């Protein structure tokens, strides 16, 4: 087996505590809860309306975002941008870089919208 070293040079976090690493760390240090009532959609028919709901990520107006990007895509992009900034990397440093991420339920909201639209059209 070939050994490869992994070095973490920057961090990026979006969580129910807030939009960045500082908010996440402060929430943990202070022992606060990040659980609150769901506000993204009506959950009154669910067994519970309490969730750990992260705020929508924001981007500079000059940053190109694909119109079909899912919410998890946006979280990943935003966290990656935070990590790049935290590491102090320049565009030249990123010339040969890549970001890969996966999720088990990413894009579920888009899937549900598609299915509702499909069912409503029948």
C-alpha atoms as a PDB file:
ATOM      1  CA  UNK A   1       0.000   0.000   0.000  1.00  0.00           C
ATOM      2  CA  UNK A   2       1.197   3.514  -0.840  1.00  0.00           C
ATOM      3  CA  UNK A   3       1.048   6.036   1.991  1.00  0.00           C
ATOM      4  CA  UNK A   4      -0.381   9.455   1.214  1.00  0.00           C
ATOM      5  CA  UNK A   5      -0.309  12.314   3.680  1.00  0.00           C
ATOM      6  CA  UNK A   6      -3.414  14.423   4.127  1.00  0.00           C
ATOM      7  CA  UNK A   7      -3.051  17.990   5.332  1.00  0.00           C
ATOM      8  CA  UNK A   8      -5.977  20.175   6.356  1.00  0.00           C
ATOM      9  CA  UNK A   9      -5.122  23.790   5.617  1.00  0.00           C
ATOM     10  CA  UNK A  10      -8.538  25.440   5.826  1.00  0.00           C
ATOM     11  CA  UNK A  11     -12.009  24.866   7.195  1.00  0.00           C
ATOM     12  CA  UNK A  12     -15.504  25.718   6.036  1.00  0.00           C
ATOM     13  CA  UNK A  13     -18.733  24.997   7.921  1.00  0.00           C
ATOM     14  CA  UNK A  14     -22.400  25.780   7.416  1.00  0.00           C
ATOM     15  CA  UNK A  15     -24.569  24.503  10.242  1.00  0.00           C
ATOM     16  CA  UNK A  16     -27.721  25.201  12.199  1.00  0.00           C
ATOM     17  CA  UNK A  17     -25.546  27.441  14.402  1.00  0.00           C
ATOM     18  CA  UNK A  18     -24.877  29.757  11.467  1.00  0.00           C
ATOM     19  CA  UNK A  19     -23.218  30.329   8.112  1.00  0.00           C
ATOM     20  CA  UNK A  20     -19.551  29.852   9.000  1.00  0.00           C
ATOM     21  CA  UNK A  21     -16.890  28.194  11.144  1.00  0.00           C
ATOM     22  CA  UNK A  22     -16.933  30.987  13.742  1.00  0.00           C
ATOM     23  CA  UNK A  23     -20.687  30.590  14.370  1.00  0.00           C
ATOM     24  CA  UNK A  24     -20.318  26.805  14.576  1.00  0.00           C
ATOM     25  CA  UNK A  25     -17.408  26.994  17.043  1.00  0.00           C
ATOM     26  CA  UNK A  26     -19.191  29.611  19.192  1.00  0.00           C
ATOM     27  CA  UNK A  27     -22.347  27.505  19.361  1.00  0.00           C
ATOM     28  CA  UNK A  28     -20.381  24.462  20.483  1.00  0.00           C
ATOM     29  CA  UNK A  29     -18.259  26.392  22.999  1.00  0.00           C
ATOM     30  CA  UNK A  30     -21.306  28.036  24.549  1.00  0.00           C
ATOM     31  CA  UNK A  31     -23.224  24.754  24.735  1.00  0.00           C
ATOM     32  CA  UNK A  32     -26.203  26.213  22.872  1.00  0.00           C
ATOM     33  CA  UNK A  33     -28.701  24.140  20.947  1.00  0.00           C
ATOM     34  CA  UNK A  34     -29.166  24.709  17.244  1.00  0.00           C
ATOM     35  CA  UNK A  35     -32.557  23.015  17.192  1.00  0.00           C
ATOM     36  CA  UNK A  36     -35.532  25.220  16.330  1.00  0.00           C
ATOM     37  CA  UNK A  37     -38.906  25.135  14.592  1.00  0.00           C
ATOM     38  CA  UNK A  38     -38.738  24.318  10.888  1.00  0.00           C
ATOM     39  CA  UNK A  39     -39.396  27.374   8.716  1.00  0.00           C
ATOM     40  CA  UNK A  40     -38.497  26.162   5.193  1.00  0.00           C
ATOM     41  CA  UNK A  41     -41.878  24.502   4.606  1.00  0.00           C
ATOM     42  CA  UNK A  42     -45.089  23.552   6.427  1.00  0.00           C
ATOM     43  CA  UNK A  43     -44.310  20.606   8.694  1.00  0.00           C
ATOM     44  CA  UNK A  44     -47.524  20.737  10.725  1.00  0.00           C
ATOM     45  CA  UNK A  45     -48.485  17.220   9.598  1.00  0.00           C
ATOM     46  CA  UNK A  46     -45.109  15.783  10.650  1.00  0.00           C
ATOM     47  CA  UNK A  47     -44.500  14.153  14.024  1.00  0.00           C
ATOM     48  CA  UNK A  48     -42.167  16.996  14.950  1.00  0.00           C
ATOM     49  CA  UNK A  49     -41.435  20.443  13.598  1.00  0.00           C
ATOM     50  CA  UNK A  50     -38.079  20.687  15.387  1.00  0.00           C
ATOM     51  CA  UNK A  51     -34.943  20.515  13.260  1.00  0.00           C
ATOM     52  CA  UNK A  52     -31.343  21.612  13.008  1.00  0.00           C
ATOM     53  CA  UNK A  53     -31.904  23.980  10.073  1.00  0.00           C
ATOM     54  CA  UNK A  54     -28.917  25.630   8.445  1.00  0.00           C
ATOM     55  CA  UNK A  55     -29.306  29.078   6.864  1.00  0.00           C
ATOM     56  CA  UNK A  56     -29.175  29.354   3.096  1.00  0.00           C
ATOM     57  CA  UNK A  57     -25.602  29.959   1.958  1.00  0.00           C
ATOM     58  CA  UNK A  58     -24.778  33.310   0.385  1.00  0.00           C
ATOM     59  CA  UNK A  59     -22.298  34.077  -2.375  1.00  0.00           C
ATOM     60  CA  UNK A  60     -20.734  37.208  -3.851  1.00  0.00           C
ATOM     61  CA  UNK A  61     -22.897  38.568  -6.680  1.00  0.00           C
ATOM     62  CA  UNK A  62     -20.025  37.932  -9.106  1.00  0.00           C
ATOM     63  CA  UNK A  63     -19.873  34.204  -8.226  1.00  0.00           C
ATOM     64  CA  UNK A  64     -21.570  32.107 -10.926  1.00  0.00           C
ATOM     65  CA  UNK A  65     -24.160  29.710  -9.484  1.00  0.00           C
ATOM     66  CA  UNK A  66     -25.869  27.178 -11.744  1.00  0.00           C
ATOM     67  CA  UNK A  67     -29.642  27.638 -11.725  1.00  0.00           C
ATOM     68  CA  UNK A  68     -30.147  23.910 -11.127  1.00  0.00           C
ATOM     69  CA  UNK A  69     -27.799  23.698  -8.116  1.00  0.00           C
ATOM     70  CA  UNK A  70     -29.462  21.960  -5.181  1.00  0.00           C
ATOM     71  CA  UNK A  71     -29.342  23.273  -1.632  1.00  0.00           C
ATOM     72  CA  UNK A  72     -26.716  20.645  -0.674  1.00  0.00           C
ATOM     73  CA  UNK A  73     -24.668  21.717  -3.730  1.00  0.00           C
ATOM     74  CA  UNK A  74     -24.739  25.294  -2.452  1.00  0.00           C
ATOM     75  CA  UNK A  75     -23.696  24.189   1.050  1.00  0.00           C
ATOM     76  CA  UNK A  76     -20.741  22.287  -0.401  1.00  0.00           C
ATOM     77  CA  UNK A  77     -19.651  25.162  -2.626  1.00  0.00           C
ATOM     78  CA  UNK A  78     -19.932  27.687   0.178  1.00  0.00           C
ATOM     79  CA  UNK A  79     -18.019  25.514   2.656  1.00  0.00           C
ATOM     80  CA  UNK A  80     -15.313  24.901   0.045  1.00  0.00           C
ATOM     81  CA  UNK A  81     -14.977  28.655  -0.598  1.00  0.00           C
ATOM     82  CA  UNK A  82     -14.708  29.244   3.154  1.00  0.00           C
ATOM     83  CA  UNK A  83     -11.982  26.582   3.416  1.00  0.00           C
ATOM     84  CA  UNK A  84     -10.034  28.076   0.506  1.00  0.00           C
ATOM     85  CA  UNK A  85     -10.211  31.521   2.108  1.00  0.00           C
ATOM     86  CA  UNK A  86      -9.297  30.134   5.547  1.00  0.00           C
ATOM     87  CA  UNK A  87      -6.259  28.423   4.026  1.00  0.00           C
ATOM     88  CA  UNK A  88      -5.157  31.670   2.374  1.00  0.00           C
ATOM     89  CA  UNK A  89      -5.036  30.020  -1.050  1.00  0.00           C
ATOM     90  CA  UNK A  90      -4.859  32.055  -4.248  1.00  0.00           C
ATOM     91  CA  UNK A  91      -6.384  31.224  -7.638  1.00  0.00           C
ATOM     92  CA  UNK A  92      -2.923  30.064  -8.730  1.00  0.00           C
ATOM     93  CA  UNK A  93      -2.792  27.651  -5.779  1.00  0.00           C
ATOM     94  CA  UNK A  94      -6.055  26.137  -6.994  1.00  0.00           C
ATOM     95  CA  UNK A  95      -5.040  25.616 -10.596  1.00  0.00           C
ATOM     96  CA  UNK A  96      -4.851  21.831 -10.125  1.00  0.00           C
ATOM     97  CA  UNK A  97      -7.316  21.500  -7.254  1.00  0.00           C
ATOM     98  CA  UNK A  98     -10.652  19.724  -7.253  1.00  0.00           C
ATOM     99  CA  UNK A  99     -13.548  19.498  -4.860  1.00  0.00           C
ATOM    100  CA  UNK A 100     -15.531  16.291  -4.672  1.00  0.00           C
ATOM    101  CA  UNK A 101     -18.390  15.639  -2.312  1.00  0.00           C
ATOM    102  CA  UNK A 102     -21.276  13.249  -2.045  1.00  0.00           C
ATOM    103  CA  UNK A 103     -24.493  13.050  -0.135  1.00  0.00           C
ATOM    104  CA  UNK A 104     -27.111  10.415   0.442  1.00  0.00           C
ATOM    105  CA  UNK A 105     -30.132  12.704   0.089  1.00  0.00           C
ATOM    106  CA  UNK A 106     -28.780  15.677  -1.824  1.00  0.00           C
ATOM    107  CA  UNK A 107     -31.358  17.256  -4.097  1.00  0.00           C
ATOM    108  CA  UNK A 108     -34.323  15.611  -2.331  1.00  0.00           C
ATOM    109  CA  UNK A 109     -36.248  18.885  -2.477  1.00  0.00           C
ATOM    110  CA  UNK A 110     -35.842  19.051  -6.273  1.00  0.00           C
ATOM    111  CA  UNK A 111     -36.872  15.388  -6.568  1.00  0.00           C
ATOM    112  CA  UNK A 112     -40.030  16.005  -4.534  1.00  0.00           C
ATOM    113  CA  UNK A 113     -40.906  19.055  -6.644  1.00  0.00           C
ATOM    114  CA  UNK A 114     -40.415  17.033  -9.836  1.00  0.00           C
ATOM    115  CA  UNK A 115     -42.631  14.184  -8.571  1.00  0.00           C
ATOM    116  CA  UNK A 116     -45.370  16.593  -7.431  1.00  0.00           C
ATOM    117  CA  UNK A 117     -45.307  18.302 -10.837  1.00  0.00           C
ATOM    118  CA  UNK A 118     -45.417  14.943 -12.624  1.00  0.00           C
ATOM    119  CA  UNK A 119     -48.337  13.681 -10.510  1.00  0.00           C
ATOM    120  CA  UNK A 120     -50.259  16.950 -10.873  1.00  0.00           C
ATOM    121  CA  UNK A 121     -49.963  16.769 -14.684  1.00  0.00           C
ATOM    122  CA  UNK A 122     -51.587  13.323 -14.885  1.00  0.00           C
END
